[in-house]
Amino acid sequence: MSSNSETSYGARIGNAEKLVAALQNFNNYQPVKPEYAISEYASLITNIKRQNNDVAIKKQNYSLAVNNRQQVYENGDNSIKRLLSPINGAVKAFYGKTAKESTDIAMIIAKIRGANARNSKATNPDEKFVSQSYQSYNSKAQYFADLIANLTNFGSNYVPANISVTIANLNNTYNTAIEANNQVMESFTQFSQNNKTRIDGYSTLSKSAQAIKDSVKSQYGYNSTEYKVIKGLKI
Protein backbone atom coordinates (compact mmCIF):
# COMPACT_ATOMS: atom_id res chain seq x y z
CA MET A 1 0.00 0.00 0.00
CA SER A 2 1.39 3.39 -0.97
CA SER A 3 1.93 5.70 1.99
CA ASN A 4 0.44 8.46 -0.16
CA SER A 5 -2.74 6.63 -1.18
CA GLU A 6 -6.09 7.82 0.11
CA THR A 7 -6.62 4.38 1.68
CA SER A 8 -3.34 4.66 3.54
CA TYR A 9 -4.13 8.19 4.71
CA GLY A 10 -7.41 6.99 6.17
CA ALA A 11 -5.80 3.97 7.84
CA ARG A 12 -3.11 6.13 9.43
CA ILE A 13 -5.65 8.56 10.84
CA GLY A 14 -7.62 5.61 12.19
CA ASN A 15 -4.53 4.27 13.94
CA ALA A 16 -3.73 7.72 15.31
CA GLU A 17 -7.20 7.85 16.82
CA LYS A 18 -6.64 4.39 18.33
CA LEU A 19 -3.45 5.74 19.87
CA VAL A 20 -5.33 8.62 21.49
CA ALA A 21 -8.04 6.26 22.77
CA ALA A 22 -5.38 4.01 24.30
CA LEU A 23 -3.54 6.89 25.95
CA GLN A 24 -6.77 8.12 27.50
CA ASN A 25 -7.11 4.77 29.25
CA PHE A 26 -3.55 4.60 30.54
CA ASN A 27 -3.00 5.36 34.20
CA ASN A 28 -1.39 8.83 34.50
CA TYR A 29 0.34 9.03 31.10
CA GLN A 30 3.11 11.65 31.29
CA PRO A 31 4.47 12.91 27.94
CA VAL A 32 8.17 13.77 27.76
CA LYS A 33 7.26 17.01 25.95
CA PRO A 34 4.07 19.12 26.00
CA GLU A 35 3.48 18.56 22.27
CA TYR A 36 3.14 14.84 22.94
CA ALA A 37 0.25 15.35 25.33
CA ILE A 38 -3.03 13.61 24.50
CA SER A 39 -4.84 16.89 23.82
CA GLU A 40 -2.10 18.14 21.50
CA TYR A 41 -2.04 14.91 19.50
CA ALA A 42 -5.83 14.89 19.24
CA SER A 43 -5.69 18.47 17.95
CA LEU A 44 -3.14 17.42 15.34
CA ILE A 45 -5.50 14.67 14.16
CA THR A 46 -8.34 17.19 13.87
CA ASN A 47 -6.18 19.51 11.76
CA ILE A 48 -5.13 16.71 9.44
CA LYS A 49 -8.74 15.63 8.96
CA ARG A 50 -9.46 19.18 7.88
CA GLN A 51 -6.52 19.03 5.48
CA ASN A 52 -7.89 15.78 4.04
CA ASN A 53 -11.19 17.54 3.33
CA ASP A 54 -9.38 20.49 1.74
CA VAL A 55 -7.40 18.17 -0.53
CA ALA A 56 -10.56 16.30 -1.55
CA ILE A 57 -12.27 19.57 -2.50
CA LYS A 58 -9.27 20.88 -4.42
CA LYS A 59 -8.91 17.58 -6.28
CA GLN A 60 -12.58 17.68 -7.24
CA ASN A 61 -12.19 21.27 -8.48
CA TYR A 62 -9.27 20.12 -10.61
CA SER A 63 -11.29 17.23 -12.03
CA LEU A 64 -14.17 19.57 -12.89
CA ALA A 65 -11.75 22.01 -14.55
CA VAL A 66 -10.32 19.20 -16.69
CA ASN A 67 -13.82 18.18 -17.75
CA ASN A 68 -14.77 21.77 -18.56
CA ARG A 69 -11.67 22.21 -20.71
CA GLN A 70 -12.57 19.11 -22.69
CA GLN A 71 -16.03 20.51 -23.29
CA VAL A 72 -14.62 23.82 -24.54
CA TYR A 73 -11.95 22.32 -26.76
CA GLU A 74 -13.40 19.02 -27.92
CA ASN A 75 -16.70 17.67 -26.63
CA GLY A 76 -19.15 20.54 -26.28
CA ASP A 77 -21.69 21.46 -28.94
CA ASN A 78 -19.80 24.70 -29.64
CA SER A 79 -16.33 23.35 -28.91
CA ILE A 80 -13.39 24.45 -31.02
CA LYS A 81 -13.26 20.99 -32.60
CA ARG A 82 -16.89 21.18 -33.75
CA LEU A 83 -16.57 24.71 -35.12
CA LEU A 84 -13.81 23.83 -37.57
CA SER A 85 -15.99 22.14 -40.21
CA PRO A 86 -18.54 24.97 -40.52
CA ILE A 87 -15.69 27.51 -40.69
CA ASN A 88 -14.02 25.52 -43.44
CA GLY A 89 -17.31 25.20 -45.29
CA ALA A 90 -18.10 28.91 -45.09
CA VAL A 91 -14.72 29.90 -46.51
CA LYS A 92 -14.85 27.35 -49.35
CA ALA A 93 -18.40 28.38 -50.19
CA PHE A 94 -17.29 31.99 -50.73
CA TYR A 95 -13.82 31.59 -52.27
CA GLY A 96 -13.99 28.15 -53.82
CA LYS A 97 -12.26 24.96 -52.72
CA THR A 98 -8.93 25.59 -54.47
CA ALA A 99 -8.56 29.30 -53.71
CA LYS A 100 -5.51 30.38 -51.72
CA GLU A 101 -7.78 31.72 -48.97
CA SER A 102 -9.46 28.31 -48.64
CA THR A 103 -6.22 26.33 -48.65
CA ASP A 104 -4.66 28.65 -46.04
CA ILE A 105 -7.66 28.17 -43.73
CA ALA A 106 -7.64 24.42 -44.35
CA MET A 107 -3.97 24.30 -43.40
CA ILE A 108 -4.57 26.07 -40.08
CA ILE A 109 -7.52 23.82 -39.34
CA ALA A 110 -5.31 20.80 -40.02
CA LYS A 111 -2.80 22.15 -37.47
CA ILE A 112 -5.54 22.55 -34.86
CA ARG A 113 -6.76 19.02 -35.46
CA GLY A 114 -3.22 17.69 -35.47
CA ALA A 115 -2.31 19.33 -32.19
CA ASN A 116 -3.27 16.34 -30.09
CA ALA A 117 -3.83 17.89 -26.70
CA ARG A 118 -2.96 15.60 -23.82
CA ASN A 119 -5.80 15.72 -21.37
CA SER A 120 -4.65 15.97 -17.76
CA LYS A 121 -5.26 12.98 -15.56
CA ALA A 122 -8.21 13.88 -13.35
CA THR A 123 -7.71 11.04 -10.89
CA ASN A 124 -3.99 10.99 -10.08
CA PRO A 125 -2.49 14.15 -11.55
CA ASP A 126 1.24 14.80 -11.48
CA GLU A 127 3.06 18.06 -12.16
CA LYS A 128 4.89 16.96 -15.30
CA PHE A 129 1.82 15.59 -17.05
CA VAL A 130 -0.35 18.58 -16.13
CA SER A 131 2.30 21.00 -17.40
CA GLN A 132 2.66 19.14 -20.70
CA SER A 133 -1.11 19.03 -21.09
CA TYR A 134 -1.38 22.76 -20.42
CA GLN A 135 1.20 23.49 -23.12
CA SER A 136 -0.50 21.24 -25.66
CA TYR A 137 -3.86 22.94 -25.14
CA ASN A 138 -2.12 26.30 -25.29
CA SER A 139 -0.72 25.37 -28.71
CA LYS A 140 -4.18 24.38 -29.93
CA ALA A 141 -5.55 27.72 -28.70
CA GLN A 142 -2.77 29.63 -30.50
CA TYR A 143 -3.60 27.92 -33.80
CA PHE A 144 -7.23 28.83 -33.20
CA ALA A 145 -6.18 32.46 -32.65
CA ASP A 146 -4.30 32.33 -35.97
CA LEU A 147 -7.44 31.02 -37.63
CA ILE A 148 -9.52 33.89 -36.24
CA ALA A 149 -6.92 36.40 -37.41
CA ASN A 150 -7.10 35.04 -40.96
CA LEU A 151 -10.89 35.06 -40.99
CA THR A 152 -10.94 38.61 -39.62
CA ASN A 153 -8.61 39.66 -42.43
CA PHE A 154 -11.21 38.53 -44.96
CA GLY A 155 -13.43 41.38 -43.80
CA SER A 156 -16.88 41.41 -45.40
CA ASN A 157 -15.98 38.32 -47.44
CA TYR A 158 -16.43 36.20 -44.33
CA VAL A 159 -20.03 36.55 -43.20
CA PRO A 160 -21.15 33.03 -42.25
CA ALA A 161 -24.81 32.13 -41.90
CA ASN A 162 -23.96 30.00 -38.87
CA ILE A 163 -23.89 32.45 -35.96
CA SER A 164 -21.62 30.17 -33.95
CA VAL A 165 -18.71 30.86 -36.29
CA THR A 166 -19.00 34.63 -36.62
CA ILE A 167 -15.85 36.53 -35.70
CA ALA A 168 -17.42 37.85 -32.49
CA ASN A 169 -18.42 34.38 -31.29
CA LEU A 170 -15.11 32.84 -32.30
CA ASN A 171 -13.31 35.44 -30.22
CA ASN A 172 -15.58 34.59 -27.29
CA THR A 173 -14.79 30.92 -27.76
CA TYR A 174 -11.07 31.65 -27.83
CA ASN A 175 -11.28 33.65 -24.58
CA THR A 176 -13.28 30.86 -22.97
CA ALA A 177 -10.71 28.30 -24.11
CA ILE A 178 -7.80 30.27 -22.65
CA GLU A 179 -9.66 30.68 -19.36
CA ALA A 180 -10.55 26.96 -19.26
CA ASN A 181 -6.92 25.96 -19.77
CA ASN A 182 -5.70 28.41 -17.14
CA GLN A 183 -8.31 27.12 -14.71
CA VAL A 184 -6.92 23.60 -14.99
CA MET A 185 -3.44 24.83 -14.09
CA GLU A 186 -4.75 27.04 -11.29
CA SER A 187 -6.85 24.29 -9.72
CA PHE A 188 -3.98 21.80 -10.00
CA THR A 189 -1.63 24.27 -8.27
CA GLN A 190 -4.10 24.69 -5.41
CA PHE A 191 -4.48 20.92 -5.13
CA SER A 192 -0.68 20.45 -5.09
CA GLN A 193 -0.21 23.10 -2.41
CA ASN A 194 -2.89 21.60 -0.18
CA ASN A 195 -1.56 18.10 -0.72
CA LYS A 196 1.96 19.20 0.26
CA THR A 197 0.55 20.67 3.48
CA ARG A 198 -1.22 17.38 4.15
CA ILE A 199 1.90 15.30 3.50
CA ASP A 200 3.84 17.50 5.94
CA GLY A 201 1.03 17.08 8.48
CA TYR A 202 1.14 13.30 8.20
CA SER A 203 4.90 13.38 8.64
CA THR A 204 4.44 15.29 11.90
CA LEU A 205 1.67 12.87 12.91
CA SER A 206 4.00 9.91 12.37
CA LYS A 207 6.99 11.44 14.16
CA SER A 208 4.86 12.50 17.11
CA ALA A 209 3.36 9.01 17.33
CA GLN A 210 6.82 7.48 17.52
CA ALA A 211 7.80 9.94 20.25
CA ILE A 212 4.63 9.08 22.17
CA LYS A 213 5.41 5.36 21.87
CA ASP A 214 8.90 6.04 23.23
CA SER A 215 7.37 8.02 26.08
CA VAL A 216 5.04 5.14 26.93
CA LYS A 217 7.89 2.62 26.72
CA SER A 218 9.98 4.78 29.02
CA GLN A 219 7.18 5.36 31.54
CA TYR A 220 5.57 1.92 31.69
CA GLY A 221 8.33 -0.38 30.42
CA TYR A 222 9.01 -2.34 27.24
CA ASN A 223 7.05 -5.36 28.42
CA SER A 224 4.15 -3.36 29.79
CA THR A 225 0.59 -3.89 28.60
CA GLU A 226 0.42 -0.19 27.74
CA TYR A 227 3.34 -0.33 25.31
CA LYS A 228 2.20 -3.61 23.76
CA VAL A 229 -1.20 -2.05 22.99
CA ILE A 230 0.25 0.80 20.93
CA LYS A 231 3.62 -0.32 19.59
CA GLY A 232 2.17 -2.01 16.49
CA LEU A 233 0.08 0.97 15.36
CA LYS A 234 1.36 2.20 11.98
CA ILE A 235 0.89 5.93 11.63
C-alpha atoms as a PDB file:
ATOM      1  CA  MET A   1       0.000   0.000   0.000  1.00  0.00           C
ATOM      2  CA  SER A   2       1.388   3.385  -0.973  1.00  0.00           C
ATOM      3  CA  SER A   3       1.929   5.695   1.991  1.00  0.00           C
ATOM      4  CA  ASN A   4       0.438   8.457  -0.155  1.00  0.00           C
ATOM      5  CA  SER A   5      -2.741   6.629  -1.185  1.00  0.00           C
ATOM      6  CA  GLU A   6      -6.092   7.820   0.106  1.00  0.00           C
ATOM      7  CA  THR A   7      -6.619   4.383   1.676  1.00  0.00           C
ATOM      8  CA  SER A   8      -3.341   4.658   3.539  1.00  0.00           C
ATOM      9  CA  TYR A   9      -4.133   8.195   4.707  1.00  0.00           C
ATOM     10  CA  GLY A  10      -7.408   6.994   6.170  1.00  0.00           C
ATOM     11  CA  ALA A  11      -5.795   3.968   7.844  1.00  0.00           C
ATOM     12  CA  ARG A  12      -3.108   6.128   9.425  1.00  0.00           C
ATOM     13  CA  ILE A  13      -5.654   8.565  10.843  1.00  0.00           C
ATOM     14  CA  GLY A  14      -7.619   5.610  12.190  1.00  0.00           C
ATOM     15  CA  ASN A  15      -4.527   4.273  13.937  1.00  0.00           C
ATOM     16  CA  ALA A  16      -3.730   7.721  15.306  1.00  0.00           C
ATOM     17  CA  GLU A  17      -7.199   7.854  16.822  1.00  0.00           C
ATOM     18  CA  LYS A  18      -6.635   4.387  18.327  1.00  0.00           C
ATOM     19  CA  LEU A  19      -3.447   5.738  19.872  1.00  0.00           C
ATOM     20  CA  VAL A  20      -5.331   8.622  21.486  1.00  0.00           C
ATOM     21  CA  ALA A  21      -8.035   6.263  22.768  1.00  0.00           C
ATOM     22  CA  ALA A  22      -5.377   4.005  24.297  1.00  0.00           C
ATOM     23  CA  LEU A  23      -3.540   6.891  25.948  1.00  0.00           C
ATOM     24  CA  GLN A  24      -6.773   8.118  27.500  1.00  0.00           C
ATOM     25  CA  ASN A  25      -7.110   4.770  29.250  1.00  0.00           C
ATOM     26  CA  PHE A  26      -3.548   4.602  30.536  1.00  0.00           C
ATOM     27  CA  ASN A  27      -2.999   5.363  34.199  1.00  0.00           C
ATOM     28  CA  ASN A  28      -1.395   8.827  34.498  1.00  0.00           C
ATOM     29  CA  TYR A  29       0.336   9.030  31.097  1.00  0.00           C
ATOM     30  CA  GLN A  30       3.108  11.647  31.292  1.00  0.00           C
ATOM     31  CA  PRO A  31       4.472  12.915  27.937  1.00  0.00           C
ATOM     32  CA  VAL A  32       8.172  13.773  27.764  1.00  0.00           C
ATOM     33  CA  LYS A  33       7.262  17.012  25.951  1.00  0.00           C
ATOM     34  CA  PRO A  34       4.070  19.120  26.004  1.00  0.00           C
ATOM     35  CA  GLU A  35       3.484  18.558  22.265  1.00  0.00           C
ATOM     36  CA  TYR A  36       3.136  14.841  22.936  1.00  0.00           C
ATOM     37  CA  ALA A  37       0.245  15.349  25.333  1.00  0.00           C
ATOM     38  CA  ILE A  38      -3.028  13.606  24.504  1.00  0.00           C
ATOM     39  CA  SER A  39      -4.844  16.888  23.821  1.00  0.00           C
ATOM     40  CA  GLU A  40      -2.097  18.135  21.501  1.00  0.00           C
ATOM     41  CA  TYR A  41      -2.038  14.909  19.497  1.00  0.00           C
ATOM     42  CA  ALA A  42      -5.832  14.889  19.242  1.00  0.00           C
ATOM     43  CA  SER A  43      -5.690  18.466  17.951  1.00  0.00           C
ATOM     44  CA  LEU A  44      -3.139  17.416  15.336  1.00  0.00           C
ATOM     45  CA  ILE A  45      -5.498  14.670  14.165  1.00  0.00           C
ATOM     46  CA  THR A  46      -8.340  17.190  13.871  1.00  0.00           C
ATOM     47  CA  ASN A  47      -6.178  19.508  11.758  1.00  0.00           C
ATOM     48  CA  ILE A  48      -5.128  16.707   9.435  1.00  0.00           C
ATOM     49  CA  LYS A  49      -8.741  15.629   8.956  1.00  0.00           C
ATOM     50  CA  ARG A  50      -9.458  19.184   7.875  1.00  0.00           C
ATOM     51  CA  GLN A  51      -6.522  19.032   5.484  1.00  0.00           C
ATOM     52  CA  ASN A  52      -7.891  15.779   4.036  1.00  0.00           C
ATOM     53  CA  ASN A  53     -11.192  17.536   3.325  1.00  0.00           C
ATOM     54  CA  ASP A  54      -9.385  20.487   1.740  1.00  0.00           C
ATOM     55  CA  VAL A  55      -7.401  18.167  -0.535  1.00  0.00           C
ATOM     56  CA  ALA A  56     -10.558  16.301  -1.552  1.00  0.00           C
ATOM     57  CA  ILE A  57     -12.274  19.572  -2.498  1.00  0.00           C
ATOM     58  CA  LYS A  58      -9.270  20.876  -4.420  1.00  0.00           C
ATOM     59  CA  LYS A  59      -8.913  17.577  -6.278  1.00  0.00           C
ATOM     60  CA  GLN A  60     -12.582  17.683  -7.237  1.00  0.00           C
ATOM     61  CA  ASN A  61     -12.186  21.268  -8.476  1.00  0.00           C
ATOM     62  CA  TYR A  62      -9.267  20.125 -10.613  1.00  0.00           C
ATOM     63  CA  SER A  63     -11.288  17.235 -12.028  1.00  0.00           C
ATOM     64  CA  LEU A  64     -14.171  19.572 -12.890  1.00  0.00           C
ATOM     65  CA  ALA A  65     -11.754  22.010 -14.552  1.00  0.00           C
ATOM     66  CA  VAL A  66     -10.319  19.201 -16.694  1.00  0.00           C
ATOM     67  CA  ASN A  67     -13.820  18.181 -17.754  1.00  0.00           C
ATOM     68  CA  ASN A  68     -14.770  21.771 -18.557  1.00  0.00           C
ATOM     69  CA  ARG A  69     -11.666  22.206 -20.709  1.00  0.00           C
ATOM     70  CA  GLN A  70     -12.567  19.112 -22.688  1.00  0.00           C
ATOM     71  CA  GLN A  71     -16.031  20.510 -23.285  1.00  0.00           C
ATOM     72  CA  VAL A  72     -14.618  23.816 -24.539  1.00  0.00           C
ATOM     73  CA  TYR A  73     -11.947  22.321 -26.765  1.00  0.00           C
ATOM     74  CA  GLU A  74     -13.401  19.022 -27.918  1.00  0.00           C
ATOM     75  CA  ASN A  75     -16.696  17.666 -26.630  1.00  0.00           C
ATOM     76  CA  GLY A  76     -19.145  20.544 -26.282  1.00  0.00           C
ATOM     77  CA  ASP A  77     -21.689  21.462 -28.938  1.00  0.00           C
ATOM     78  CA  ASN A  78     -19.804  24.697 -29.636  1.00  0.00           C
ATOM     79  CA  SER A  79     -16.327  23.352 -28.907  1.00  0.00           C
ATOM     80  CA  ILE A  80     -13.386  24.449 -31.022  1.00  0.00           C
ATOM     81  CA  LYS A  81     -13.257  20.988 -32.599  1.00  0.00           C
ATOM     82  CA  ARG A  82     -16.892  21.176 -33.752  1.00  0.00           C
ATOM     83  CA  LEU A  83     -16.570  24.712 -35.125  1.00  0.00           C
ATOM     84  CA  LEU A  84     -13.814  23.827 -37.569  1.00  0.00           C
ATOM     85  CA  SER A  85     -15.992  22.145 -40.215  1.00  0.00           C
ATOM     86  CA  PRO A  86     -18.542  24.966 -40.518  1.00  0.00           C
ATOM     87  CA  ILE A  87     -15.690  27.507 -40.686  1.00  0.00           C
ATOM     88  CA  ASN A  88     -14.022  25.519 -43.439  1.00  0.00           C
ATOM     89  CA  GLY A  89     -17.308  25.199 -45.289  1.00  0.00           C
ATOM     90  CA  ALA A  90     -18.103  28.908 -45.086  1.00  0.00           C
ATOM     91  CA  VAL A  91     -14.716  29.899 -46.513  1.00  0.00           C
ATOM     92  CA  LYS A  92     -14.848  27.346 -49.346  1.00  0.00           C
ATOM     93  CA  ALA A  93     -18.402  28.376 -50.189  1.00  0.00           C
ATOM     94  CA  PHE A  94     -17.293  31.995 -50.731  1.00  0.00           C
ATOM     95  CA  TYR A  95     -13.819  31.586 -52.268  1.00  0.00           C
ATOM     96  CA  GLY A  96     -13.990  28.150 -53.821  1.00  0.00           C
ATOM     97  CA  LYS A  97     -12.263  24.960 -52.724  1.00  0.00           C
ATOM     98  CA  THR A  98      -8.934  25.587 -54.471  1.00  0.00           C
ATOM     99  CA  ALA A  99      -8.561  29.295 -53.707  1.00  0.00           C
ATOM    100  CA  LYS A 100      -5.507  30.384 -51.717  1.00  0.00           C
ATOM    101  CA  GLU A 101      -7.779  31.719 -48.968  1.00  0.00           C
ATOM    102  CA  SER A 102      -9.455  28.315 -48.639  1.00  0.00           C
ATOM    103  CA  THR A 103      -6.223  26.328 -48.647  1.00  0.00           C
ATOM    104  CA  ASP A 104      -4.663  28.648 -46.043  1.00  0.00           C
ATOM    105  CA  ILE A 105      -7.661  28.173 -43.733  1.00  0.00           C
ATOM    106  CA  ALA A 106      -7.641  24.421 -44.351  1.00  0.00           C
ATOM    107  CA  MET A 107      -3.966  24.295 -43.404  1.00  0.00           C
ATOM    108  CA  ILE A 108      -4.565  26.068 -40.081  1.00  0.00           C
ATOM    109  CA  ILE A 109      -7.523  23.820 -39.338  1.00  0.00           C
ATOM    110  CA  ALA A 110      -5.306  20.799 -40.019  1.00  0.00           C
ATOM    111  CA  LYS A 111      -2.802  22.147 -37.469  1.00  0.00           C
ATOM    112  CA  ILE A 112      -5.535  22.549 -34.864  1.00  0.00           C
ATOM    113  CA  ARG A 113      -6.764  19.021 -35.461  1.00  0.00           C
ATOM    114  CA  GLY A 114      -3.225  17.687 -35.470  1.00  0.00           C
ATOM    115  CA  ALA A 115      -2.311  19.333 -32.186  1.00  0.00           C
ATOM    116  CA  ASN A 116      -3.266  16.337 -30.094  1.00  0.00           C
ATOM    117  CA  ALA A 117      -3.830  17.888 -26.699  1.00  0.00           C
ATOM    118  CA  ARG A 118      -2.956  15.597 -23.821  1.00  0.00           C
ATOM    119  CA  ASN A 119      -5.804  15.716 -21.369  1.00  0.00           C
ATOM    120  CA  SER A 120      -4.647  15.971 -17.759  1.00  0.00           C
ATOM    121  CA  LYS A 121      -5.263  12.978 -15.556  1.00  0.00           C
ATOM    122  CA  ALA A 122      -8.214  13.882 -13.350  1.00  0.00           C
ATOM    123  CA  THR A 123      -7.708  11.043 -10.885  1.00  0.00           C
ATOM    124  CA  ASN A 124      -3.990  10.987 -10.080  1.00  0.00           C
ATOM    125  CA  PRO A 125      -2.489  14.147 -11.548  1.00  0.00           C
ATOM    126  CA  ASP A 126       1.237  14.802 -11.482  1.00  0.00           C
ATOM    127  CA  GLU A 127       3.058  18.058 -12.158  1.00  0.00           C
ATOM    128  CA  LYS A 128       4.891  16.963 -15.302  1.00  0.00           C
ATOM    129  CA  PHE A 129       1.824  15.592 -17.053  1.00  0.00           C
ATOM    130  CA  VAL A 130      -0.353  18.584 -16.126  1.00  0.00           C
ATOM    131  CA  SER A 131       2.299  21.002 -17.398  1.00  0.00           C
ATOM    132  CA  GLN A 132       2.664  19.136 -20.697  1.00  0.00           C
ATOM    133  CA  SER A 133      -1.107  19.027 -21.088  1.00  0.00           C
ATOM    134  CA  TYR A 134      -1.376  22.755 -20.419  1.00  0.00           C
ATOM    135  CA  GLN A 135       1.200  23.489 -23.115  1.00  0.00           C
ATOM    136  CA  SER A 136      -0.501  21.236 -25.664  1.00  0.00           C
ATOM    137  CA  TYR A 137      -3.857  22.942 -25.144  1.00  0.00           C
ATOM    138  CA  ASN A 138      -2.120  26.304 -25.286  1.00  0.00           C
ATOM    139  CA  SER A 139      -0.720  25.367 -28.710  1.00  0.00           C
ATOM    140  CA  LYS A 140      -4.175  24.385 -29.927  1.00  0.00           C
ATOM    141  CA  ALA A 141      -5.547  27.719 -28.701  1.00  0.00           C
ATOM    142  CA  GLN A 142      -2.770  29.626 -30.497  1.00  0.00           C
ATOM    143  CA  TYR A 143      -3.597  27.916 -33.797  1.00  0.00           C
ATOM    144  CA  PHE A 144      -7.232  28.829 -33.199  1.00  0.00           C
ATOM    145  CA  ALA A 145      -6.182  32.457 -32.654  1.00  0.00           C
ATOM    146  CA  ASP A 146      -4.301  32.335 -35.970  1.00  0.00           C
ATOM    147  CA  LEU A 147      -7.441  31.017 -37.630  1.00  0.00           C
ATOM    148  CA  ILE A 148      -9.520  33.888 -36.243  1.00  0.00           C
ATOM    149  CA  ALA A 149      -6.918  36.396 -37.414  1.00  0.00           C
ATOM    150  CA  ASN A 150      -7.096  35.040 -40.962  1.00  0.00           C
ATOM    151  CA  LEU A 151     -10.889  35.060 -40.989  1.00  0.00           C
ATOM    152  CA  THR A 152     -10.940  38.607 -39.619  1.00  0.00           C
ATOM    153  CA  ASN A 153      -8.610  39.662 -42.427  1.00  0.00           C
ATOM    154  CA  PHE A 154     -11.207  38.525 -44.965  1.00  0.00           C
ATOM    155  CA  GLY A 155     -13.432  41.381 -43.803  1.00  0.00           C
ATOM    156  CA  SER A 156     -16.877  41.406 -45.399  1.00  0.00           C
ATOM    157  CA  ASN A 157     -15.979  38.322 -47.442  1.00  0.00           C
ATOM    158  CA  TYR A 158     -16.426  36.202 -44.330  1.00  0.00           C
ATOM    159  CA  VAL A 159     -20.034  36.553 -43.196  1.00  0.00           C
ATOM    160  CA  PRO A 160     -21.147  33.032 -42.252  1.00  0.00           C
ATOM    161  CA  ALA A 161     -24.813  32.130 -41.897  1.00  0.00           C
ATOM    162  CA  ASN A 162     -23.962  29.997 -38.868  1.00  0.00           C
ATOM    163  CA  ILE A 163     -23.895  32.446 -35.959  1.00  0.00           C
ATOM    164  CA  SER A 164     -21.618  30.171 -33.946  1.00  0.00           C
ATOM    165  CA  VAL A 165     -18.710  30.859 -36.294  1.00  0.00           C
ATOM    166  CA  THR A 166     -18.999  34.628 -36.625  1.00  0.00           C
ATOM    167  CA  ILE A 167     -15.849  36.526 -35.695  1.00  0.00           C
ATOM    168  CA  ALA A 168     -17.418  37.846 -32.493  1.00  0.00           C
ATOM    169  CA  ASN A 169     -18.419  34.382 -31.288  1.00  0.00           C
ATOM    170  CA  LEU A 170     -15.107  32.841 -32.302  1.00  0.00           C
ATOM    171  CA  ASN A 171     -13.306  35.441 -30.218  1.00  0.00           C
ATOM    172  CA  ASN A 172     -15.584  34.594 -27.291  1.00  0.00           C
ATOM    173  CA  THR A 173     -14.793  30.917 -27.758  1.00  0.00           C
ATOM    174  CA  TYR A 174     -11.065  31.654 -27.831  1.00  0.00           C
ATOM    175  CA  ASN A 175     -11.276  33.646 -24.578  1.00  0.00           C
ATOM    176  CA  THR A 176     -13.283  30.861 -22.970  1.00  0.00           C
ATOM    177  CA  ALA A 177     -10.714  28.301 -24.115  1.00  0.00           C
ATOM    178  CA  ILE A 178      -7.804  30.269 -22.653  1.00  0.00           C
ATOM    179  CA  GLU A 179      -9.656  30.676 -19.358  1.00  0.00           C
ATOM    180  CA  ALA A 180     -10.551  26.965 -19.260  1.00  0.00           C
ATOM    181  CA  ASN A 181      -6.919  25.957 -19.771  1.00  0.00           C
ATOM    182  CA  ASN A 182      -5.701  28.409 -17.145  1.00  0.00           C
ATOM    183  CA  GLN A 183      -8.309  27.118 -14.708  1.00  0.00           C
ATOM    184  CA  VAL A 184      -6.922  23.601 -14.987  1.00  0.00           C
ATOM    185  CA  MET A 185      -3.442  24.834 -14.094  1.00  0.00           C
ATOM    186  CA  GLU A 186      -4.748  27.035 -11.288  1.00  0.00           C
ATOM    187  CA  SER A 187      -6.851  24.292  -9.725  1.00  0.00           C
ATOM    188  CA  PHE A 188      -3.979  21.804  -9.997  1.00  0.00           C
ATOM    189  CA  THR A 189      -1.634  24.265  -8.273  1.00  0.00           C
ATOM    190  CA  GLN A 190      -4.102  24.693  -5.414  1.00  0.00           C
ATOM    191  CA  PHE A 191      -4.476  20.919  -5.131  1.00  0.00           C
ATOM    192  CA  SER A 192      -0.684  20.452  -5.089  1.00  0.00           C
ATOM    193  CA  GLN A 193      -0.206  23.102  -2.409  1.00  0.00           C
ATOM    194  CA  ASN A 194      -2.885  21.602  -0.181  1.00  0.00           C
ATOM    195  CA  ASN A 195      -1.558  18.098  -0.716  1.00  0.00           C
ATOM    196  CA  LYS A 196       1.962  19.200   0.256  1.00  0.00           C
ATOM    197  CA  THR A 197       0.554  20.668   3.477  1.00  0.00           C
ATOM    198  CA  ARG A 198      -1.224  17.381   4.147  1.00  0.00           C
ATOM    199  CA  ILE A 199       1.905  15.300   3.501  1.00  0.00           C
ATOM    200  CA  ASP A 200       3.839  17.495   5.940  1.00  0.00           C
ATOM    201  CA  GLY A 201       1.032  17.082   8.478  1.00  0.00           C
ATOM    202  CA  TYR A 202       1.139  13.303   8.201  1.00  0.00           C
ATOM    203  CA  SER A 203       4.896  13.384   8.644  1.00  0.00           C
ATOM    204  CA  THR A 204       4.436  15.285  11.905  1.00  0.00           C
ATOM    205  CA  LEU A 205       1.672  12.867  12.912  1.00  0.00           C
ATOM    206  CA  SER A 206       4.002   9.913  12.366  1.00  0.00           C
ATOM    207  CA  LYS A 207       6.994  11.444  14.156  1.00  0.00           C
ATOM    208  CA  SER A 208       4.857  12.499  17.112  1.00  0.00           C
ATOM    209  CA  ALA A 209       3.355   9.006  17.325  1.00  0.00           C
ATOM    210  CA  GLN A 210       6.819   7.477  17.524  1.00  0.00           C
ATOM    211  CA  ALA A 211       7.803   9.940  20.253  1.00  0.00           C
ATOM    212  CA  ILE A 212       4.634   9.078  22.167  1.00  0.00           C
ATOM    213  CA  LYS A 213       5.407   5.362  21.871  1.00  0.00           C
ATOM    214  CA  ASP A 214       8.900   6.039  23.225  1.00  0.00           C
ATOM    215  CA  SER A 215       7.366   8.016  26.085  1.00  0.00           C
ATOM    216  CA  VAL A 216       5.044   5.140  26.927  1.00  0.00           C
ATOM    217  CA  LYS A 217       7.885   2.616  26.717  1.00  0.00           C
ATOM    218  CA  SER A 218       9.982   4.776  29.019  1.00  0.00           C
ATOM    219  CA  GLN A 219       7.184   5.361  31.541  1.00  0.00           C
ATOM    220  CA  TYR A 220       5.567   1.921  31.686  1.00  0.00           C
ATOM    221  CA  GLY A 221       8.328  -0.380  30.415  1.00  0.00           C
ATOM    222  CA  TYR A 222       9.011  -2.335  27.238  1.00  0.00           C
ATOM    223  CA  ASN A 223       7.050  -5.360  28.416  1.00  0.00           C
ATOM    224  CA  SER A 224       4.150  -3.360  29.787  1.00  0.00           C
ATOM    225  CA  THR A 225       0.585  -3.886  28.603  1.00  0.00           C
ATOM    226  CA  GLU A 226       0.418  -0.187  27.736  1.00  0.00           C
ATOM    227  CA  TYR A 227       3.337  -0.334  25.315  1.00  0.00           C
ATOM    228  CA  LYS A 228       2.202  -3.612  23.758  1.00  0.00           C
ATOM    229  CA  VAL A 229      -1.203  -2.054  22.988  1.00  0.00           C
ATOM    230  CA  ILE A 230       0.251   0.797  20.934  1.00  0.00           C
ATOM    231  CA  LYS A 231       3.616  -0.322  19.587  1.00  0.00           C
ATOM    232  CA  GLY A 232       2.167  -2.011  16.491  1.00  0.00           C
ATOM    233  CA  LEU A 233       0.077   0.971  15.360  1.00  0.00           C
ATOM    234  CA  LYS A 234       1.362   2.199  11.977  1.00  0.00           C
ATOM    235  CA  ILE A 235       0.895   5.931  11.633  1.00  0.00           C
END
